[in-house]
Amino acid sequence: MDTISLVNLILCIIIVVLGCVGFKRTKDKWPLYIAISFGLFGISHLLTLLGFKETLTAFLIGIRTVAYLLVIYTVCRVAFR
C-alpha cells in the first residue's frame, strides 16, 4: 500500500467536506471550487492506490493539471477581488 497516496486521499476527503460545508454555510462559490479541485486530486490518489498509476499516467497528469489550474484560478480571484 502506498502510504503517501493514502494520507493524501484522506486529506483530500477532509478538504472536500470542509469546502462543501463552507459553500453551504456562506453560499460563496470559492470554497466549492477548492472542494472540486481537491476532489480531483482525491480521484488521482484513489486511482494510484488501486494500481492504475502506470496505465493511466496521462489521465492522472490531466486530472492533476486541471485541479491545480482551478486552485490557481480560485486563489487569484479571492486575492484580487
Protein backbone atom coordinates (compact mmCIF):
# COMPACT_ATOMS: atom_id res chain seq x y z
CA MET A 1 0.00 0.00 0.00
CA ASP A 2 1.26 3.45 -0.91
CA THR A 3 1.09 5.29 2.41
CA ILE A 4 1.65 8.72 0.89
CA SER A 5 -1.26 8.33 -1.54
CA LEU A 6 -3.48 7.04 1.25
CA VAL A 7 -2.69 10.01 3.51
CA ASN A 8 -3.20 12.39 0.58
CA LEU A 9 -6.56 10.77 -0.22
CA ILE A 10 -7.74 11.13 3.38
CA LEU A 11 -6.67 14.79 3.48
CA CYS A 12 -8.40 15.43 0.15
CA ILE A 13 -11.63 13.96 1.51
CA ILE A 14 -11.42 16.24 4.55
CA ILE A 15 -10.82 19.30 2.36
CA VAL A 16 -13.73 18.36 0.07
CA VAL A 17 -16.06 18.05 3.06
CA LEU A 18 -14.88 21.37 4.52
CA GLY A 19 -15.23 23.08 1.14
CA CYS A 20 -18.78 21.79 0.72
CA VAL A 21 -19.71 22.86 4.26
CA GLY A 22 -18.15 26.28 3.63
CA PHE A 23 -20.16 26.66 0.44
CA LYS A 24 -23.37 25.57 2.12
CA ARG A 25 -22.90 27.99 5.02
CA THR A 26 -21.74 31.04 3.05
CA LYS A 27 -23.15 30.43 -0.46
CA ASP A 28 -19.74 31.66 -1.65
CA LYS A 29 -18.53 29.68 -4.67
CA TRP A 30 -14.82 29.78 -3.79
CA PRO A 31 -14.89 27.02 -1.14
CA LEU A 32 -16.78 24.89 -3.65
CA TYR A 33 -14.06 25.43 -6.28
CA ILE A 34 -11.43 24.35 -3.77
CA ALA A 35 -13.56 21.29 -2.90
CA ILE A 36 -13.82 20.37 -6.58
CA SER A 37 -10.06 20.76 -7.02
CA PHE A 38 -9.26 18.51 -4.10
CA GLY A 39 -11.92 16.07 -5.25
CA LEU A 40 -9.95 15.77 -8.48
CA PHE A 41 -6.72 15.31 -6.52
CA GLY A 42 -8.51 12.65 -4.48
CA ILE A 43 -9.54 10.79 -7.63
CA SER A 44 -5.94 10.72 -8.78
CA HIS A 45 -4.78 9.39 -5.39
CA LEU A 46 -7.52 6.74 -5.39
CA LEU A 47 -6.58 5.58 -8.88
CA THR A 48 -2.96 5.38 -7.76
CA LEU A 49 -3.96 3.28 -4.75
CA LEU A 50 -6.00 0.99 -6.99
CA GLY A 51 -2.92 0.32 -9.12
CA PHE A 52 -3.75 2.40 -12.19
CA LYS A 53 -0.78 4.75 -11.87
CA GLU A 54 1.17 3.18 -14.73
CA THR A 55 -1.71 2.58 -17.15
CA LEU A 56 -3.39 5.97 -16.62
CA THR A 57 -0.36 8.23 -16.35
CA ALA A 58 -1.53 10.72 -18.99
CA PHE A 59 -5.03 10.80 -17.49
CA LEU A 60 -3.65 11.39 -13.98
CA ILE A 61 -1.47 14.21 -15.25
CA GLY A 62 -4.54 15.74 -16.90
CA ILE A 63 -6.64 15.48 -13.74
CA ARG A 64 -3.93 17.00 -11.57
CA THR A 65 -3.28 19.79 -14.08
CA VAL A 66 -6.96 20.75 -14.15
CA ALA A 67 -7.08 20.63 -10.33
CA TYR A 68 -4.00 22.85 -9.97
CA LEU A 69 -5.35 25.33 -12.53
CA LEU A 70 -8.65 25.51 -10.66
CA VAL A 71 -6.80 26.18 -7.39
CA ILE A 72 -4.69 28.89 -9.08
CA TYR A 73 -7.82 30.48 -10.56
CA THR A 74 -9.62 30.41 -7.21
CA VAL A 75 -6.73 31.85 -5.24
CA CYS A 76 -6.23 34.64 -7.80
CA ARG A 77 -9.93 35.51 -7.80
CA VAL A 78 -10.04 35.65 -4.00
CA ALA A 79 -6.74 37.52 -3.65
CA PHE A 80 -7.52 40.17 -6.28
CA ARG A 81 -11.21 40.89 -5.65
